[in-house]
Amino acid sequence: MSLPERLVVNTSRPAPLALDAAARVLRSKGLVAFPTETFYGLGAHALDAAAVDRVFVAKGRPADKPLLVLVDSVAMVTRVAREVSVHARRLMARYWPGALTLVLPAHPTLPVTLTAGTGTIGVRLSGHPVARGLVTALGAPVTAPSANPHGAPSPRTADEVVASLGARIDLVLDGGPTPGGPASTLLDLTRVPAVVVRAGAVVLTPEDLEG
């Protein structure tokens, strides 16, 4: 079995050629590992059910665990969310791009595997130029679980991604070591008041929760 292709990218100004090559892989239902503000993520075309299924197989991820997705703008959120409240837009304006994942009502056209049948979807606009650039190059939302088998440590380098996932993925965008640290804060806006599902890099205020 062959190892995934590896493209070295400049994390501050990723070359369009590298991002376009990765986007072509995603359009063909492939899987791409890429650096984020914390760890390496595992990308698939989030609106393609067959591609999403490959993420679960590659990671050995339980089917009842939904995947969060990355967007490149607030406008793209409407492709994955059924509605975007004023509260959500206020938080996006305050914390995006950044490590805040918002759980919103899922758009009914999303693959059921993506949401694990929950009817909700976690959405984030990454502050990392490679992660955000990949979404823009594809022109569609991209999945972003950590690029490791389920239950294994999250990878901070491309070498760790290749060692753990190997031929189960198609391409690695190698941006060097990532910082690690806390994962994104996960805030469920489908509940009133909003609920912090996972504390993380963004510390929210009581006003953030109340809207």
C-alpha atoms as a PDB file:
ATOM      1  CA  MET A   1       0.000   0.000   0.000  1.00  0.00           C
ATOM      2  CA  SER A   2       1.390   3.409  -0.988  1.00  0.00           C
ATOM      3  CA  LEU A   3       1.749   6.322   1.401  1.00  0.00           C
ATOM      4  CA  PRO A   4      -0.239   9.506   0.749  1.00  0.00           C
ATOM      5  CA  GLU A   5       1.196  12.225  -1.446  1.00  0.00           C
ATOM      6  CA  ARG A   6       2.775  15.053   0.541  1.00  0.00           C
ATOM      7  CA  LEU A   7       2.842  18.709  -0.478  1.00  0.00           C
ATOM      8  CA  VAL A   8       4.855  21.187   1.606  1.00  0.00           C
ATOM      9  CA  VAL A   9       2.962  24.451   2.149  1.00  0.00           C
ATOM     10  CA  ASN A  10       3.890  27.844   3.542  1.00  0.00           C
ATOM     11  CA  THR A  11       1.576  28.238   6.520  1.00  0.00           C
ATOM     12  CA  SER A  12       1.478  32.029   6.342  1.00  0.00           C
ATOM     13  CA  ARG A  13       0.978  32.298   2.562  1.00  0.00           C
ATOM     14  CA  PRO A  14      -0.006  28.897   1.142  1.00  0.00           C
ATOM     15  CA  ALA A  15       0.555  28.672  -2.608  1.00  0.00           C
ATOM     16  CA  PRO A  16      -2.653  28.505  -4.658  1.00  0.00           C
ATOM     17  CA  LEU A  17      -1.223  25.601  -6.682  1.00  0.00           C
ATOM     18  CA  ALA A  18      -0.961  23.426  -3.571  1.00  0.00           C
ATOM     19  CA  LEU A  19      -4.446  24.347  -2.377  1.00  0.00           C
ATOM     20  CA  ASP A  20      -5.918  23.758  -5.839  1.00  0.00           C
ATOM     21  CA  ALA A  21      -4.262  20.318  -5.974  1.00  0.00           C
ATOM     22  CA  ALA A  22      -5.747  19.456  -2.580  1.00  0.00           C
ATOM     23  CA  ALA A  23      -9.173  20.709  -3.681  1.00  0.00           C
ATOM     24  CA  ARG A  24      -9.046  18.421  -6.720  1.00  0.00           C
ATOM     25  CA  VAL A  25      -8.441  15.492  -4.384  1.00  0.00           C
ATOM     26  CA  LEU A  26     -11.447  16.504  -2.294  1.00  0.00           C
ATOM     27  CA  ARG A  27     -13.676  16.818  -5.362  1.00  0.00           C
ATOM     28  CA  SER A  28     -12.779  13.244  -6.313  1.00  0.00           C
ATOM     29  CA  LYS A  29     -13.985  11.985  -2.901  1.00  0.00           C
ATOM     30  CA  GLY A  30     -10.420  11.904  -1.548  1.00  0.00           C
ATOM     31  CA  LEU A  31      -9.154  12.678   1.953  1.00  0.00           C
ATOM     32  CA  VAL A  32      -6.654  15.459   2.706  1.00  0.00           C
ATOM     33  CA  ALA A  33      -4.851  16.074   5.990  1.00  0.00           C
ATOM     34  CA  PHE A  34      -4.018  19.721   6.679  1.00  0.00           C
ATOM     35  CA  PRO A  35      -2.669  21.928   9.487  1.00  0.00           C
ATOM     36  CA  THR A  36      -4.940  23.994  11.718  1.00  0.00           C
ATOM     37  CA  GLU A  37      -4.371  26.319  14.680  1.00  0.00           C
ATOM     38  CA  THR A  38      -4.043  23.310  16.971  1.00  0.00           C
ATOM     39  CA  PHE A  39      -3.541  19.913  15.272  1.00  0.00           C
ATOM     40  CA  TYR A  40      -3.757  18.389  11.799  1.00  0.00           C
ATOM     41  CA  GLY A  41      -7.316  17.934  10.567  1.00  0.00           C
ATOM     42  CA  LEU A  42      -8.757  15.364   8.173  1.00  0.00           C
ATOM     43  CA  GLY A  43     -10.624  16.948   5.300  1.00  0.00           C
ATOM     44  CA  ALA A  44     -13.316  15.576   3.010  1.00  0.00           C
ATOM     45  CA  HIS A  45     -15.915  17.342   0.880  1.00  0.00           C
ATOM     46  CA  ALA A  46     -18.536  17.810   3.585  1.00  0.00           C
ATOM     47  CA  LEU A  47     -21.481  17.786   1.156  1.00  0.00           C
ATOM     48  CA  ASP A  48     -20.445  14.492  -0.500  1.00  0.00           C
ATOM     49  CA  ALA A  49     -21.845  11.526   1.428  1.00  0.00           C
ATOM     50  CA  ALA A  50     -19.359   9.035  -0.030  1.00  0.00           C
ATOM     51  CA  ALA A  51     -16.422  11.275   0.932  1.00  0.00           C
ATOM     52  CA  VAL A  52     -17.792  11.735   4.455  1.00  0.00           C
ATOM     53  CA  ASP A  53     -18.126   7.959   4.791  1.00  0.00           C
ATOM     54  CA  ARG A  54     -14.409   7.640   3.985  1.00  0.00           C
ATOM     55  CA  VAL A  55     -13.563   9.810   6.995  1.00  0.00           C
ATOM     56  CA  PHE A  56     -15.371   7.421   9.319  1.00  0.00           C
ATOM     57  CA  VAL A  57     -13.655   4.409   7.771  1.00  0.00           C
ATOM     58  CA  ALA A  58     -10.175   6.002   7.828  1.00  0.00           C
ATOM     59  CA  LYS A  59     -10.464   7.022  11.465  1.00  0.00           C
ATOM     60  CA  GLY A  60     -12.447   4.024  12.680  1.00  0.00           C
ATOM     61  CA  ARG A  61     -14.824   6.627  14.063  1.00  0.00           C
ATOM     62  CA  PRO A  62     -18.111   5.491  15.631  1.00  0.00           C
ATOM     63  CA  ALA A  63     -21.095   6.341  13.440  1.00  0.00           C
ATOM     64  CA  ASP A  64     -22.831   8.141  16.325  1.00  0.00           C
ATOM     65  CA  LYS A  65     -20.126  10.823  16.533  1.00  0.00           C
ATOM     66  CA  PRO A  66     -20.881  13.721  14.158  1.00  0.00           C
ATOM     67  CA  LEU A  67     -18.191  15.649  12.286  1.00  0.00           C
ATOM     68  CA  LEU A  68     -17.663  19.386  12.491  1.00  0.00           C
ATOM     69  CA  VAL A  69     -17.063  21.347   9.312  1.00  0.00           C
ATOM     70  CA  LEU A  70     -14.985  24.354   8.314  1.00  0.00           C
ATOM     71  CA  VAL A  71     -16.298  27.253   6.233  1.00  0.00           C
ATOM     72  CA  ASP A  72     -14.449  30.205   4.750  1.00  0.00           C
ATOM     73  CA  SER A  73     -17.067  32.861   5.451  1.00  0.00           C
ATOM     74  CA  VAL A  74     -20.269  33.578   7.317  1.00  0.00           C
ATOM     75  CA  ALA A  75     -22.075  33.360   3.973  1.00  0.00           C
ATOM     76  CA  MET A  76     -20.989  29.715   3.558  1.00  0.00           C
ATOM     77  CA  VAL A  77     -22.606  28.802   6.884  1.00  0.00           C
ATOM     78  CA  THR A  78     -26.011  28.881   5.176  1.00  0.00           C
ATOM     79  CA  ARG A  79     -24.958  25.870   3.085  1.00  0.00           C
ATOM     80  CA  VAL A  80     -24.754  23.680   6.178  1.00  0.00           C
ATOM     81  CA  ALA A  81     -27.131  25.365   8.646  1.00  0.00           C
ATOM     82  CA  ARG A  82     -30.911  25.499   8.325  1.00  0.00           C
ATOM     83  CA  GLU A  83     -30.980  28.823  10.142  1.00  0.00           C
ATOM     84  CA  VAL A  84     -28.412  31.262  11.496  1.00  0.00           C
ATOM     85  CA  SER A  85     -29.704  33.281  14.418  1.00  0.00           C
ATOM     86  CA  VAL A  86     -28.791  36.830  15.363  1.00  0.00           C
ATOM     87  CA  HIS A  87     -27.032  35.335  18.404  1.00  0.00           C
ATOM     88  CA  ALA A  88     -24.918  33.114  16.142  1.00  0.00           C
ATOM     89  CA  ARG A  89     -24.002  35.995  13.846  1.00  0.00           C
ATOM     90  CA  ARG A  90     -22.961  38.114  16.820  1.00  0.00           C
ATOM     91  CA  LEU A  91     -20.609  35.376  18.028  1.00  0.00           C
ATOM     92  CA  MET A  92     -19.203  34.881  14.525  1.00  0.00           C
ATOM     93  CA  ALA A  93     -18.439  38.595  14.287  1.00  0.00           C
ATOM     94  CA  ARG A  94     -16.709  38.531  17.662  1.00  0.00           C
ATOM     95  CA  TYR A  95     -14.708  35.295  17.498  1.00  0.00           C
ATOM     96  CA  TRP A  96     -14.276  34.264  13.850  1.00  0.00           C
ATOM     97  CA  PRO A  97     -11.866  33.465  12.377  1.00  0.00           C
ATOM     98  CA  GLY A  98     -10.908  31.529  15.478  1.00  0.00           C
ATOM     99  CA  ALA A  99     -11.253  28.471  17.651  1.00  0.00           C
ATOM    100  CA  LEU A 100     -14.985  28.650  18.328  1.00  0.00           C
ATOM    101  CA  THR A 101     -17.209  25.915  16.896  1.00  0.00           C
ATOM    102  CA  LEU A 102     -20.909  26.753  16.858  1.00  0.00           C
ATOM    103  CA  VAL A 103     -23.535  23.995  16.852  1.00  0.00           C
ATOM    104  CA  LEU A 104     -26.437  25.060  14.646  1.00  0.00           C
ATOM    105  CA  PRO A 105     -29.572  23.412  13.193  1.00  0.00           C
ATOM    106  CA  ALA A 106     -28.375  21.284  10.267  1.00  0.00           C
ATOM    107  CA  HIS A 107     -29.478  21.958   6.714  1.00  0.00           C
ATOM    108  CA  PRO A 108     -31.749  19.065   5.656  1.00  0.00           C
ATOM    109  CA  THR A 109     -29.626  18.301   2.570  1.00  0.00           C
ATOM    110  CA  LEU A 110     -26.509  17.391   4.580  1.00  0.00           C
ATOM    111  CA  PRO A 111     -25.327  13.760   4.558  1.00  0.00           C
ATOM    112  CA  VAL A 112     -26.880  11.977   7.526  1.00  0.00           C
ATOM    113  CA  THR A 113     -23.499  10.485   8.427  1.00  0.00           C
ATOM    114  CA  LEU A 114     -22.037  13.989   8.758  1.00  0.00           C
ATOM    115  CA  THR A 115     -24.508  14.910  11.491  1.00  0.00           C
ATOM    116  CA  ALA A 116     -24.850  11.358  12.884  1.00  0.00           C
ATOM    117  CA  GLY A 117     -28.600  11.892  12.708  1.00  0.00           C
ATOM    118  CA  THR A 118     -28.532  14.617  15.381  1.00  0.00           C
ATOM    119  CA  GLY A 119     -30.143  17.284  13.226  1.00  0.00           C
ATOM    120  CA  THR A 120     -27.350  19.671  14.191  1.00  0.00           C
ATOM    121  CA  ILE A 121     -23.973  20.611  12.703  1.00  0.00           C
ATOM    122  CA  GLY A 122     -20.826  22.077  14.256  1.00  0.00           C
ATOM    123  CA  VAL A 123     -19.363  24.918  12.163  1.00  0.00           C
ATOM    124  CA  ARG A 124     -16.136  26.902  12.441  1.00  0.00           C
ATOM    125  CA  LEU A 125     -14.203  29.455  10.422  1.00  0.00           C
ATOM    126  CA  SER A 126     -10.546  28.619  11.007  1.00  0.00           C
ATOM    127  CA  GLY A 127      -7.922  31.279  11.581  1.00  0.00           C
ATOM    128  CA  HIS A 128      -5.258  29.116   9.916  1.00  0.00           C
ATOM    129  CA  PRO A 129      -4.476  30.262   6.342  1.00  0.00           C
ATOM    130  CA  VAL A 130      -4.046  26.705   5.011  1.00  0.00           C
ATOM    131  CA  ALA A 131      -7.297  25.416   6.522  1.00  0.00           C
ATOM    132  CA  ARG A 132      -9.264  28.444   5.381  1.00  0.00           C
ATOM    133  CA  GLY A 133      -7.564  28.475   1.979  1.00  0.00           C
ATOM    134  CA  LEU A 134      -8.438  24.834   1.396  1.00  0.00           C
ATOM    135  CA  VAL A 135     -12.130  25.554   1.950  1.00  0.00           C
ATOM    136  CA  THR A 136     -11.952  28.501  -0.441  1.00  0.00           C
ATOM    137  CA  ALA A 137     -10.154  26.444  -3.094  1.00  0.00           C
ATOM    138  CA  LEU A 138     -12.833  23.744  -2.876  1.00  0.00           C
ATOM    139  CA  GLY A 139     -15.676  26.250  -2.756  1.00  0.00           C
ATOM    140  CA  ALA A 140     -17.528  24.102  -0.232  1.00  0.00           C
ATOM    141  CA  PRO A 141     -17.358  23.189   3.470  1.00  0.00           C
ATOM    142  CA  VAL A 142     -14.656  20.717   4.544  1.00  0.00           C
ATOM    143  CA  THR A 143     -14.740  18.219   7.415  1.00  0.00           C
ATOM    144  CA  ALA A 144     -12.177  18.777  10.147  1.00  0.00           C
ATOM    145  CA  PRO A 145     -11.853  16.028  12.757  1.00  0.00           C
ATOM    146  CA  SER A 146      -8.296  15.399  13.919  1.00  0.00           C
ATOM    147  CA  ALA A 147      -6.237  13.364  11.434  1.00  0.00           C
ATOM    148  CA  ASN A 148      -5.718  10.285  13.579  1.00  0.00           C
ATOM    149  CA  PRO A 149      -7.443   6.978  14.293  1.00  0.00           C
ATOM    150  CA  HIS A 150     -10.302   7.303  16.771  1.00  0.00           C
ATOM    151  CA  GLY A 151      -8.964   7.382  20.313  1.00  0.00           C
ATOM    152  CA  ALA A 152      -5.334   8.020  19.310  1.00  0.00           C
ATOM    153  CA  PRO A 153      -3.454  11.244  20.156  1.00  0.00           C
ATOM    154  CA  SER A 154      -4.129  14.156  17.828  1.00  0.00           C
ATOM    155  CA  PRO A 155      -1.195  14.698  15.410  1.00  0.00           C
ATOM    156  CA  ARG A 156       0.913  17.853  15.436  1.00  0.00           C
ATOM    157  CA  THR A 157       3.074  16.961  12.420  1.00  0.00           C
ATOM    158  CA  ALA A 158       2.641  15.539   8.939  1.00  0.00           C
ATOM    159  CA  ASP A 159       4.906  12.624   9.910  1.00  0.00           C
ATOM    160  CA  GLU A 160       2.520  11.696  12.720  1.00  0.00           C
ATOM    161  CA  VAL A 161      -0.414  11.805  10.297  1.00  0.00           C
ATOM    162  CA  VAL A 162       1.336   9.482   7.832  1.00  0.00           C
ATOM    163  CA  ALA A 163       2.440   7.112  10.603  1.00  0.00           C
ATOM    164  CA  SER A 164      -1.093   6.766  11.976  1.00  0.00           C
ATOM    165  CA  LEU A 165      -3.294   6.901   8.855  1.00  0.00           C
ATOM    166  CA  GLY A 166      -0.915   5.957   6.047  1.00  0.00           C
ATOM    167  CA  ALA A 167      -2.597   4.809   2.835  1.00  0.00           C
ATOM    168  CA  ARG A 168      -6.076   5.423   4.229  1.00  0.00           C
ATOM    169  CA  ILE A 169      -5.748   9.050   3.083  1.00  0.00           C
ATOM    170  CA  ASP A 170      -4.704  10.546  -0.250  1.00  0.00           C
ATOM    171  CA  LEU A 171      -2.778  13.751   0.441  1.00  0.00           C
ATOM    172  CA  VAL A 172      -1.084  15.603   3.294  1.00  0.00           C
ATOM    173  CA  LEU A 173      -0.542  19.350   3.185  1.00  0.00           C
ATOM    174  CA  ASP A 174       2.651  19.556   5.244  1.00  0.00           C
ATOM    175  CA  GLY A 175       2.801  22.902   7.007  1.00  0.00           C
ATOM    176  CA  GLY A 176       5.313  21.821   9.627  1.00  0.00           C
ATOM    177  CA  PRO A 177       4.507  21.324  13.315  1.00  0.00           C
ATOM    178  CA  THR A 178       1.267  22.794  14.655  1.00  0.00           C
ATOM    179  CA  PRO A 179       0.993  24.363  18.126  1.00  0.00           C
ATOM    180  CA  GLY A 180      -1.289  21.789  19.753  1.00  0.00           C
ATOM    181  CA  GLY A 181      -3.013  23.119  22.835  1.00  0.00           C
ATOM    182  CA  PRO A 182      -6.735  23.244  23.632  1.00  0.00           C
ATOM    183  CA  ALA A 183      -9.204  22.244  20.941  1.00  0.00           C
ATOM    184  CA  SER A 184     -11.840  24.688  19.753  1.00  0.00           C
ATOM    185  CA  THR A 185     -14.555  25.668  22.186  1.00  0.00           C
ATOM    186  CA  LEU A 186     -17.812  23.926  21.235  1.00  0.00           C
ATOM    187  CA  LEU A 187     -20.972  25.943  21.873  1.00  0.00           C
ATOM    188  CA  ASP A 188     -24.442  24.515  21.249  1.00  0.00           C
ATOM    189  CA  LEU A 189     -26.712  27.298  20.038  1.00  0.00           C
ATOM    190  CA  THR A 190     -29.652  24.955  19.443  1.00  0.00           C
ATOM    191  CA  ARG A 191     -30.333  25.098  23.193  1.00  0.00           C
ATOM    192  CA  VAL A 192     -31.601  28.089  25.174  1.00  0.00           C
ATOM    193  CA  PRO A 193     -29.573  29.328  26.894  1.00  0.00           C
ATOM    194  CA  ALA A 194     -26.599  28.175  24.827  1.00  0.00           C
ATOM    195  CA  VAL A 195     -24.536  25.342  26.334  1.00  0.00           C
ATOM    196  CA  VAL A 196     -20.749  24.929  26.271  1.00  0.00           C
ATOM    197  CA  VAL A 197     -20.388  21.310  25.158  1.00  0.00           C
ATOM    198  CA  ARG A 198     -16.587  21.457  25.228  1.00  0.00           C
ATOM    199  CA  ALA A 199     -14.465  24.102  26.931  1.00  0.00           C
ATOM    200  CA  GLY A 200     -11.515  25.054  24.746  1.00  0.00           C
ATOM    201  CA  ALA A 201      -9.357  27.802  23.356  1.00  0.00           C
ATOM    202  CA  VAL A 202     -12.034  30.517  23.370  1.00  0.00           C
ATOM    203  CA  VAL A 203     -13.246  31.581  26.830  1.00  0.00           C
ATOM    204  CA  LEU A 204     -16.846  32.724  26.570  1.00  0.00           C
ATOM    205  CA  THR A 205     -18.566  35.276  28.776  1.00  0.00           C
ATOM    206  CA  PRO A 206     -22.020  34.912  30.379  1.00  0.00           C
ATOM    207  CA  GLU A 207     -23.239  37.465  27.821  1.00  0.00           C
ATOM    208  CA  ASP A 208     -22.003  35.216  24.999  1.00  0.00           C
ATOM    209  CA  LEU A 209     -24.179  32.393  26.306  1.00  0.00           C
ATOM    210  CA  GLU A 210     -27.268  34.508  26.783  1.00  0.00           C
ATOM    211  CA  GLY A 211     -27.089  36.131  23.367  1.00  0.00           C
END
